[in-house]
PDB file of N, CA and C in Angstrom:
ATOM      1  N   MET A   1      17.563   0.184  -9.529  1.00  0.00           N
ATOM      2  CA  MET A   1      16.820   0.801  -8.767  1.00  0.00           C
ATOM      3  C   MET A   1      18.325   0.339  -7.218  1.00  0.00           C
ATOM      4  N   ARG A   2      17.874   1.012  -6.653  1.00  0.00           N
ATOM      5  CA  ARG A   2      18.831   1.457  -5.688  1.00  0.00           C
ATOM      6  C   ARG A   2      17.393   1.007  -4.194  1.00  0.00           C
ATOM      7  N   ASN A   3      18.390   0.222  -3.379  1.00  0.00           N
ATOM      8  CA  ASN A   3      16.916   0.031  -2.521  1.00  0.00           C
ATOM      9  C   ASN A   3      16.551   1.754  -1.443  1.00  0.00           C
ATOM     10  N   SER A   4      17.350   2.078  -1.204  1.00  0.00           N
ATOM     11  CA  SER A   4      16.782   3.612  -0.911  1.00  0.00           C
ATOM     12  C   SER A   4      15.821   4.292  -1.758  1.00  0.00           C
ATOM     13  N   ASP A   5      15.786   4.324  -2.685  1.00  0.00           N
ATOM     14  CA  ASP A   5      14.994   4.249  -3.998  1.00  0.00           C
ATOM     15  C   ASP A   5      13.530   3.732  -3.752  1.00  0.00           C
ATOM     16  N   ARG A   6      13.485   2.585  -4.083  1.00  0.00           N
ATOM     17  CA  ARG A   6      12.248   1.744  -3.842  1.00  0.00           C
ATOM     18  C   ARG A   6      12.026   2.194  -2.585  1.00  0.00           C
ATOM     19  N   PHE A   7      12.928   2.811  -1.355  1.00  0.00           N
ATOM     20  CA  PHE A   7      11.963   2.925  -0.046  1.00  0.00           C
ATOM     21  C   PHE A   7      10.925   4.241  -0.465  1.00  0.00           C
ATOM     22  N   GLN A   8      11.703   5.259  -1.303  1.00  0.00           N
ATOM     23  CA  GLN A   8      11.470   6.625  -1.754  1.00  0.00           C
ATOM     24  C   GLN A   8       9.931   6.736  -2.223  1.00  0.00           C
ATOM     25  N   THR A   9       9.897   5.940  -2.941  1.00  0.00           N
ATOM     26  CA  THR A   9       9.203   5.857  -4.254  1.00  0.00           C
ATOM     27  C   THR A   9       7.383   5.197  -3.157  1.00  0.00           C
ATOM     28  N   ILE A  10       7.321   3.522  -2.295  1.00  0.00           N
ATOM     29  CA  ILE A  10       6.527   3.592  -1.270  1.00  0.00           C
ATOM     30  C   ILE A  10       6.276   4.458  -0.110  1.00  0.00           C
ATOM     31  N   TYR A  11       7.435   5.259  -0.044  1.00  0.00           N
ATOM     32  CA  TYR A  11       6.958   6.487   1.336  1.00  0.00           C
ATOM     33  C   TYR A  11       6.065   7.330   0.069  1.00  0.00           C
ATOM     34  N   GLU A  12       6.502   8.219  -0.584  1.00  0.00           N
ATOM     35  CA  GLU A  12       5.948   9.365  -1.502  1.00  0.00           C
ATOM     36  C   GLU A  12       4.946   8.154  -1.602  1.00  0.00           C
ATOM     37  N   SER A  13       4.456   7.288  -2.335  1.00  0.00           N
ATOM     38  CA  SER A  13       2.551   6.856  -2.943  1.00  0.00           C
ATOM     39  C   SER A  13       1.576   6.934  -1.027  1.00  0.00           C
ATOM     40  N   THR A  14       2.860   6.770  -0.291  1.00  0.00           N
ATOM     41  CA  THR A  14       1.623   7.087   0.975  1.00  0.00           C
ATOM     42  C   THR A  14       1.606   8.017   1.563  1.00  0.00           C
ATOM     43  N   ARG A  15       2.862   8.804   0.856  1.00  0.00           N
ATOM     44  CA  ARG A  15       1.846   9.948   1.904  1.00  0.00           C
ATOM     45  C   ARG A  15       1.090  11.170   0.020  1.00  0.00           C
ATOM     46  N   SER A  16       1.178  10.750  -0.509  1.00  0.00           N
ATOM     47  CA  SER A  16       0.628  11.432  -1.980  1.00  0.00           C
ATOM     48  C   SER A  16      -0.721  10.966  -1.992  1.00  0.00           C
ATOM     49  N   LEU A  17      -1.644  10.211  -0.875  1.00  0.00           N
ATOM     50  CA  LEU A  17      -2.343   9.628  -0.987  1.00  0.00           C
ATOM     51  C   LEU A  17      -3.098  10.057   0.253  1.00  0.00           C
ATOM     52  N   GLY A  18      -2.556  11.351   1.412  1.00  0.00           N
ATOM     53  CA  GLY A  18      -2.825  11.866   2.101  1.00  0.00           C
ATOM     54  C   GLY A  18      -3.143  11.209   3.812  1.00  0.00           C
ATOM     55  N   ILE A  19      -2.738  10.083   3.689  1.00  0.00           N
ATOM     56  CA  ILE A  19      -2.253   9.533   5.056  1.00  0.00           C
ATOM     57  C   ILE A  19      -1.297   9.916   5.870  1.00  0.00           C
ATOM     58  N   ILE A  20      -0.236   9.611   5.502  1.00  0.00           N
ATOM     59  CA  ILE A  20       0.721  10.077   6.414  1.00  0.00           C
ATOM     60  C   ILE A  20       1.226  12.051   5.384  1.00  0.00           C
ATOM     61  N   LYS A  21       1.870  12.774   6.461  1.00  0.00           N
ATOM     62  CA  LYS A  21       2.844  13.782   6.405  1.00  0.00           C
ATOM     63  C   LYS A  21       4.164  13.482   6.173  1.00  0.00           C
ATOM     64  N   THR A  22       4.522  13.528   7.266  1.00  0.00           N
ATOM     65  CA  THR A  22       6.305  12.748   7.627  1.00  0.00           C
ATOM     66  C   THR A  22       7.035  11.511   7.638  1.00  0.00           C
ATOM     67  N   GLN A  23       8.122  11.959   7.312  1.00  0.00           N
ATOM     68  CA  GLN A  23       9.070  10.994   7.824  1.00  0.00           C
ATOM     69  C   GLN A  23       8.877   9.701   8.643  1.00  0.00           C
ATOM     70  N   ASN A  24       8.974  10.337   9.570  1.00  0.00           N
ATOM     71  CA  ASN A  24       7.637  10.155  10.901  1.00  0.00           C
ATOM     72  C   ASN A  24       6.882   9.341  11.163  1.00  0.00           C
ATOM     73  N   GLU A  25       5.937   9.566  10.629  1.00  0.00           N
ATOM     74  CA  GLU A  25       4.378   9.399  10.942  1.00  0.00           C
ATOM     75  C   GLU A  25       4.231   8.104   9.638  1.00  0.00           C
ATOM     76  N   PHE A  26       5.299   7.545   8.281  1.00  0.00           N
ATOM     77  CA  PHE A  26       5.532   7.231   7.996  1.00  0.00           C
ATOM     78  C   PHE A  26       5.622   6.005   8.186  1.00  0.00           C
ATOM     79  N   SER A  27       7.548   6.046   9.527  1.00  0.00           N
ATOM     80  CA  SER A  27       7.782   5.300  10.324  1.00  0.00           C
ATOM     81  C   SER A  27       6.362   4.120  10.996  1.00  0.00           C
ATOM     82  N   ARG A  28       6.254   4.915  11.822  1.00  0.00           N
ATOM     83  CA  ARG A  28       4.952   4.375  12.584  1.00  0.00           C
ATOM     84  C   ARG A  28       4.662   3.732  12.340  1.00  0.00           C
ATOM     85  N   LEU A  29       3.765   4.474  10.600  1.00  0.00           N
ATOM     86  CA  LEU A  29       3.229   3.242  10.123  1.00  0.00           C
ATOM     87  C   LEU A  29       3.206   1.475   9.777  1.00  0.00           C
ATOM     88  N   CYS A  30       4.180   1.719   9.442  1.00  0.00           N
ATOM     89  CA  CYS A  30       5.417   1.042   8.778  1.00  0.00           C
ATOM     90  C   CYS A  30       5.687  -0.027  10.424  1.00  0.00           C
ATOM     91  N   GLY A  31       5.937   0.277  11.987  1.00  0.00           N
ATOM     92  CA  GLY A  31       5.344  -0.424  12.383  1.00  0.00           C
ATOM     93  C   GLY A  31       6.569  -0.349  13.109  1.00  0.00           C
ATOM     94  N   ARG A  32       7.367   0.843  12.893  1.00  0.00           N
ATOM     95  CA  ARG A  32       9.156   0.873  13.600  1.00  0.00           C
ATOM     96  C   ARG A  32       8.847   2.345  14.222  1.00  0.00           C
ATOM     97  N   LYS A  33      10.343   2.676  14.617  1.00  0.00           N
ATOM     98  CA  LYS A  33      10.756   3.934  15.867  1.00  0.00           C
ATOM     99  C   LYS A  33      10.717   4.951  14.456  1.00  0.00           C
ATOM    100  N   ALA A  34      10.138   6.040  14.858  1.00  0.00           N
ATOM    101  CA  ALA A  34      10.322   7.723  14.000  1.00  0.00           C
ATOM    102  C   ALA A  34      11.533   8.493  13.167  1.00  0.00           C
ATOM    103  N   SER A  35      12.586   7.520  13.597  1.00  0.00           N
ATOM    104  CA  SER A  35      13.460   7.836  12.940  1.00  0.00           C
ATOM    105  C   SER A  35      14.374   6.694  11.622  1.00  0.00           C
ATOM    106  N   TRP A  36      13.903   5.439  11.912  1.00  0.00           N
ATOM    107  CA  TRP A  36      13.515   3.562  11.689  1.00  0.00           C
ATOM    108  C   TRP A  36      13.699   4.556   9.549  1.00  0.00           C
ATOM    109  N   PHE A  37      12.491   5.613   9.432  1.00  0.00           N
ATOM    110  CA  PHE A  37      12.905   5.797   7.747  1.00  0.00           C
ATOM    111  C   PHE A  37      13.597   6.240   7.165  1.00  0.00           C
ATOM    112  N   SER A  38      14.168   7.789   7.722  1.00  0.00           N
ATOM    113  CA  SER A  38      15.373   7.643   7.407  1.00  0.00           C
ATOM    114  C   SER A  38      16.747   7.153   7.789  1.00  0.00           C
ATOM    115  N   ALA A  39      16.986   6.709   8.862  1.00  0.00           N
ATOM    116  CA  ALA A  39      18.107   6.072   9.137  1.00  0.00           C
ATOM    117  C   ALA A  39      18.196   4.768   7.615  1.00  0.00           C
ATOM    118  N   SER A  40      17.297   4.304   6.960  1.00  0.00           N
ATOM    119  CA  SER A  40      17.523   3.375   6.467  1.00  0.00           C
ATOM    120  C   SER A  40      18.164   4.110   4.991  1.00  0.00           C
ATOM    121  N   LYS A  41      17.743   4.632   4.538  1.00  0.00           N
ATOM    122  CA  LYS A  41      17.068   5.187   3.668  1.00  0.00           C
ATOM    123  C   LYS A  41      18.975   5.667   3.759  1.00  0.00           C
ATOM    124  N   CYS A  42      19.298   6.199   4.730  1.00  0.00           N
ATOM    125  CA  CYS A  42      21.040   6.653   4.974  1.00  0.00           C
ATOM    126  C   CYS A  42      21.515   5.749   4.334  1.00  0.00           C
ATOM    127  N   VAL A  43      21.590   4.603   5.028  1.00  0.00           N
ATOM    128  CA  VAL A  43      22.369   2.814   4.738  1.00  0.00           C
ATOM    129  C   VAL A  43      22.133   1.831   4.138  1.00  0.00           C
ATOM    130  N   ASP A  44      20.979   2.627   3.095  1.00  0.00           N
ATOM    131  CA  ASP A  44      20.386   2.223   1.537  1.00  0.00           C
ATOM    132  C   ASP A  44      20.381   0.735   1.711  1.00  0.00           C
ATOM    133  N   ARG A  45      19.293   0.495   3.191  1.00  0.00           N
ATOM    134  CA  ARG A  45      18.954  -0.792   3.830  1.00  0.00           C
ATOM    135  C   ARG A  45      17.208  -0.992   2.944  1.00  0.00           C
ATOM    136  N   GLU A  46      17.193  -2.640   2.792  1.00  0.00           N
ATOM    137  CA  GLU A  46      16.551  -1.931   1.928  1.00  0.00           C
ATOM    138  C   GLU A  46      14.987  -2.763   3.177  1.00  0.00           C
ATOM    139  N   LEU A  47      14.349  -2.371   2.313  1.00  0.00           N
ATOM    140  CA  LEU A  47      12.817  -2.657   2.914  1.00  0.00           C
ATOM    141  C   LEU A  47      12.066  -3.855   3.922  1.00  0.00           C
ATOM    142  N   SER A  48      12.170  -4.201   4.896  1.00  0.00           N
ATOM    143  CA  SER A  48      12.362  -6.153   5.328  1.00  0.00           C
ATOM    144  C   SER A  48      10.875  -6.510   5.115  1.00  0.00           C
ATOM    145  N   LEU A  49      10.750  -6.891   4.923  1.00  0.00           N
ATOM    146  CA  LEU A  49       9.722  -8.297   4.309  1.00  0.00           C
ATOM    147  C   LEU A  49       8.483  -7.472   5.583  1.00  0.00           C
ATOM    148  N   ALA A  50       8.873  -7.693   6.719  1.00  0.00           N
ATOM    149  CA  ALA A  50       7.966  -7.715   7.679  1.00  0.00           C
ATOM    150  C   ALA A  50       7.928  -5.947   8.083  1.00  0.00           C
ATOM    151  N   ALA A  51       8.932  -5.226   7.283  1.00  0.00           N
ATOM    152  CA  ALA A  51       7.794  -3.868   7.442  1.00  0.00           C
ATOM    153  C   ALA A  51       6.764  -3.111   6.273  1.00  0.00           C
ATOM    154  N   LEU A  52       6.804  -4.025   5.123  1.00  0.00           N
ATOM    155  CA  LEU A  52       6.326  -3.951   4.627  1.00  0.00           C
ATOM    156  C   LEU A  52       4.742  -4.489   4.408  1.00  0.00           C
ATOM    157  N   ILE A  53       4.690  -6.126   5.169  1.00  0.00           N
ATOM    158  CA  ILE A  53       3.885  -6.011   5.642  1.00  0.00           C
ATOM    159  C   ILE A  53       2.783  -5.346   6.534  1.00  0.00           C
ATOM    160  N   THR A  54       3.628  -5.157   8.258  1.00  0.00           N
ATOM    161  CA  THR A  54       2.807  -4.313   8.636  1.00  0.00           C
ATOM    162  C   THR A  54       2.404  -2.765   8.483  1.00  0.00           C
ATOM    163  N   LEU A  55       3.066  -2.275   7.229  1.00  0.00           N
ATOM    164  CA  LEU A  55       2.576  -0.970   6.796  1.00  0.00           C
ATOM    165  C   LEU A  55       1.036  -0.841   5.666  1.00  0.00           C
ATOM    166  N   THR A  56       1.254  -2.329   5.258  1.00  0.00           N
ATOM    167  CA  THR A  56       0.449  -2.676   4.059  1.00  0.00           C
ATOM    168  C   THR A  56      -0.802  -2.975   5.158  1.00  0.00           C
ATOM    169  N   LYS A  57      -0.962  -4.144   6.346  1.00  0.00           N
ATOM    170  CA  LYS A  57      -1.478  -4.368   6.582  1.00  0.00           C
ATOM    171  C   LYS A  57      -2.021  -3.147   7.265  1.00  0.00           C
ATOM    172  N   ALA A  58      -1.076  -2.077   7.970  1.00  0.00           N
ATOM    173  CA  ALA A  58      -1.737  -0.498   8.712  1.00  0.00           C
ATOM    174  C   ALA A  58      -2.887  -0.330   7.591  1.00  0.00           C
ATOM    175  N   LEU A  59      -2.442   0.442   6.084  1.00  0.00           N
ATOM    176  CA  LEU A  59      -2.959   1.007   5.260  1.00  0.00           C
ATOM    177  C   LEU A  59      -4.698   0.634   4.995  1.00  0.00           C
ATOM    178  N   GLU A  60      -4.882  -0.889   4.943  1.00  0.00           N
ATOM    179  CA  GLU A  60      -6.037  -1.749   5.214  1.00  0.00           C
ATOM    180  C   GLU A  60      -7.116  -1.694   6.471  1.00  0.00           C
ATOM    181  N   ARG A  61      -5.996  -1.721   7.188  1.00  0.00           N
ATOM    182  CA  ARG A  61      -7.055  -0.994   8.632  1.00  0.00           C
ATOM    183  C   ARG A  61      -7.795   0.338   9.200  1.00  0.00           C
ATOM    184  N   LEU A  62      -6.894   0.710   7.916  1.00  0.00           N
ATOM    185  CA  LEU A  62      -7.845   2.415   8.353  1.00  0.00           C
ATOM    186  C   LEU A  62      -8.959   2.122   7.526  1.00  0.00           C
ATOM    187  N   SER A  63      -9.768   3.702   9.105  1.00  0.00           N
ATOM    188  CA  SER A  63     -11.050   3.495   8.688  1.00  0.00           C
ATOM    189  C   SER A  63     -10.966   4.672   7.134  1.00  0.00           C
ATOM    190  N   ILE A  64     -12.449   4.407   6.769  1.00  0.00           N
ATOM    191  CA  ILE A  64     -12.832   4.927   6.184  1.00  0.00           C
ATOM    192  C   ILE A  64     -12.737   6.848   6.155  1.00  0.00           C
ATOM    193  N   ASP A  65     -13.082   7.680   7.079  1.00  0.00           N
ATOM    194  CA  ASP A  65     -12.946   8.621   7.716  1.00  0.00           C
ATOM    195  C   ASP A  65     -10.665   9.369   7.522  1.00  0.00           C
ATOM    196  N   GLN A  66     -10.407   8.018   7.826  1.00  0.00           N
ATOM    197  CA  GLN A  66      -8.901   8.421   7.629  1.00  0.00           C
ATOM    198  C   GLN A  66      -8.220   8.369   5.915  1.00  0.00           C
ATOM    199  N   VAL A  67      -9.236   8.689   4.591  1.00  0.00           N
ATOM    200  CA  VAL A  67      -8.874   8.126   3.511  1.00  0.00           C
ATOM    201  C   VAL A  67      -9.911   8.762   3.033  1.00  0.00           C
ATOM    202  N   PRO A  68      -8.859  10.436   2.204  1.00  0.00           N
ATOM    203  CA  PRO A  68     -10.184  11.859   1.419  1.00  0.00           C
ATOM    204  C   PRO A  68     -10.649  10.634   0.077  1.00  0.00           C
ATOM    205  N   ARG A  69     -12.231  10.553   0.181  1.00  0.00           N
ATOM    206  CA  ARG A  69     -12.746  10.195  -1.395  1.00  0.00           C
ATOM    207  C   ARG A  69     -11.970   9.661  -2.252  1.00  0.00           C
ATOM    208  N   SER A  70     -11.609  11.169  -2.648  1.00  0.00           N
ATOM    209  CA  SER A  70     -10.882  11.007  -4.103  1.00  0.00           C
ATOM    210  C   SER A  70      -9.759   9.699  -4.094  1.00  0.00           C
ATOM    211  N   LYS A  71      -9.130   9.408  -2.588  1.00  0.00           N
ATOM    212  CA  LYS A  71      -7.900   9.101  -3.067  1.00  0.00           C
ATOM    213  C   LYS A  71      -8.283   7.308  -2.218  1.00  0.00           C
ATOM    214  N   ARG A  72      -9.480   7.276  -2.173  1.00  0.00           N
ATOM    215  CA  ARG A  72     -10.149   5.436  -2.190  1.00  0.00           C
ATOM    216  C   ARG A  72     -10.304   4.342  -2.487  1.00  0.00           C
ATOM    217  N   GLY A  73      -9.439   5.001  -4.384  1.00  0.00           N
ATOM    218  CA  GLY A  73      -9.449   3.848  -5.316  1.00  0.00           C
ATOM    219  C   GLY A  73      -7.885   3.239  -5.249  1.00  0.00           C
ATOM    220  N   GLU A  74      -7.462   4.903  -5.122  1.00  0.00           N
ATOM    221  CA  GLU A  74      -6.021   4.171  -5.170  1.00  0.00           C
ATOM    222  C   GLU A  74      -4.670   4.238  -4.270  1.00  0.00           C
ATOM    223  N   LEU A  75      -5.753   3.633  -3.106  1.00  0.00           N
ATOM    224  CA  LEU A  75      -5.710   2.987  -1.734  1.00  0.00           C
ATOM    225  C   LEU A  75      -5.384   2.016  -1.913  1.00  0.00           C
ATOM    226  N   LYS A  76      -6.817   1.163  -2.996  1.00  0.00           N
ATOM    227  CA  LYS A  76      -7.432   0.043  -2.946  1.00  0.00           C
ATOM    228  C   LYS A  76      -5.667  -0.446  -3.736  1.00  0.00           C
ATOM    229  N   GLN A  77      -6.149   0.328  -4.712  1.00  0.00           N
ATOM    230  CA  GLN A  77      -4.898  -0.622  -6.611  1.00  0.00           C
ATOM    231  C   GLN A  77      -2.918  -0.456  -5.246  1.00  0.00           C
ATOM    232  N   PHE A  78      -2.740   1.040  -4.703  1.00  0.00           N
ATOM    233  CA  PHE A  78      -1.759   0.885  -3.322  1.00  0.00           C
ATOM    234  C   PHE A  78      -1.089  -0.317  -2.783  1.00  0.00           C
ATOM    235  N   THR A  79      -2.956  -0.760  -2.100  1.00  0.00           N
ATOM    236  CA  THR A  79      -2.143  -2.274  -1.118  1.00  0.00           C
ATOM    237  C   THR A  79      -2.217  -3.288  -1.950  1.00  0.00           C
ATOM    238  N   ARG A  80      -3.080  -3.086  -3.098  1.00  0.00           N
ATOM    239  CA  ARG A  80      -2.291  -5.024  -4.465  1.00  0.00           C
ATOM    240  C   ARG A  80      -1.427  -4.049  -4.754  1.00  0.00           C
ATOM    241  N   THR A  81      -0.855  -3.740  -5.201  1.00  0.00           N
ATOM    242  CA  THR A  81       0.433  -3.459  -5.253  1.00  0.00           C
ATOM    243  C   THR A  81       2.096  -3.989  -4.071  1.00  0.00           C
ATOM    244  N   LEU A  82       1.315  -3.372  -2.677  1.00  0.00           N
ATOM    245  CA  LEU A  82       2.463  -3.708  -2.211  1.00  0.00           C
ATOM    246  C   LEU A  82       2.698  -5.760  -1.280  1.00  0.00           C
ATOM    247  N   TRP A  83       0.885  -5.904  -1.661  1.00  0.00           N
ATOM    248  CA  TRP A  83       1.134  -7.319  -1.422  1.00  0.00           C
ATOM    249  C   TRP A  83       1.917  -7.841  -2.241  1.00  0.00           C
ATOM    250  N   LEU A  84       2.053  -7.930  -3.799  1.00  0.00           N
ATOM    251  CA  LEU A  84       2.392  -8.393  -4.908  1.00  0.00           C
ATOM    252  C   LEU A  84       3.757  -8.188  -4.083  1.00  0.00           C
ATOM    253  N   MET A  85       4.338  -6.847  -4.573  1.00  0.00           N
ATOM    254  CA  MET A  85       5.808  -6.645  -3.470  1.00  0.00           C
ATOM    255  C   MET A  85       6.142  -8.622  -2.328  1.00  0.00           C
ATOM    256  N   ILE A  86       4.677  -7.633  -1.720  1.00  0.00           N
ATOM    257  CA  ILE A  86       5.642  -9.191  -0.676  1.00  0.00           C
ATOM    258  C   ILE A  86       5.596 -10.182  -1.181  1.00  0.00           C
ATOM    259  N   GLU A  87       4.472 -11.354  -1.727  1.00  0.00           N
ATOM    260  CA  GLU A  87       4.269 -12.497  -2.858  1.00  0.00           C
ATOM    261  C   GLU A  87       5.876 -13.063  -2.927  1.00  0.00           C
ATOM    262  N   SER A  88       6.451 -11.522  -4.213  1.00  0.00           N
ATOM    263  CA  SER A  88       7.745 -11.557  -4.599  1.00  0.00           C
ATOM    264  C   SER A  88       8.799 -11.474  -2.931  1.00  0.00           C
ATOM    265  N   LYS A  89       9.099 -10.892  -2.237  1.00  0.00           N
ATOM    266  CA  LYS A  89       9.990 -11.304  -1.887  1.00  0.00           C
ATOM    267  C   LYS A  89       9.889 -11.970  -1.245  1.00  0.00           C
ATOM    268  N   ALA A  90       8.710 -12.573  -0.404  1.00  0.00           N
ATOM    269  CA  ALA A  90       8.870 -13.847  -0.285  1.00  0.00           C
ATOM    270  C   ALA A  90       8.874 -15.309  -0.832  1.00  0.00           C
ATOM    271  N   MET A  91       9.209 -15.351  -2.480  1.00  0.00           N
ATOM    272  CA  MET A  91       9.443 -16.067  -2.957  1.00  0.00           C
ATOM    273  C   MET A  91      11.324 -16.470  -3.686  1.00  0.00           C
ATOM    274  N   THR A  92      11.743 -15.363  -3.033  1.00  0.00           N
ATOM    275  CA  THR A  92      13.073 -14.893  -2.921  1.00  0.00           C
ATOM    276  C   THR A  92      13.464 -15.008  -2.954  1.00  0.00           C
ATOM    277  N   PRO A  93      14.457 -16.191  -2.681  1.00  0.00           N
ATOM    278  CA  PRO A  93      15.116 -17.513  -1.853  1.00  0.00           C
ATOM    279  C   PRO A  93      16.598 -17.031  -1.129  1.00  0.00           C
ATOM    280  N   ILE A  94      16.711 -16.015   0.037  1.00  0.00           N
ATOM    281  CA  ILE A  94      18.039 -15.781   1.421  1.00  0.00           C
ATOM    282  C   ILE A  94      19.035 -15.832   0.321  1.00  0.00           C
ATOM    283  N   GLU A  95      19.789 -15.591   0.525  1.00  0.00           N
ATOM    284  CA  GLU A  95      21.639 -14.896  -0.258  1.00  0.00           C
ATOM    285  C   GLU A  95      22.098 -15.469   0.807  1.00  0.00           C
TER     286      GLU A  95
END
């Protein structure tokens, strides 16, 4: 799987939770400039550990009113999955 495909999957999962609507909003949620997501996809850049942590922490800090009631369980599972990705990424030796 290409980096941009993994990146897109995380974006789409976040979007399906009803938390964001645009790529710019996703970039901001990751603590980056508005054009970051689309630029990263174009060059098949890997999602950095820092951006992944920022995204996960931002999702955990959302107030209950910001997440549709029907999506709260999905959000909890999604953040668990992101933490597992973070752990895996952190344990991978630098090449």
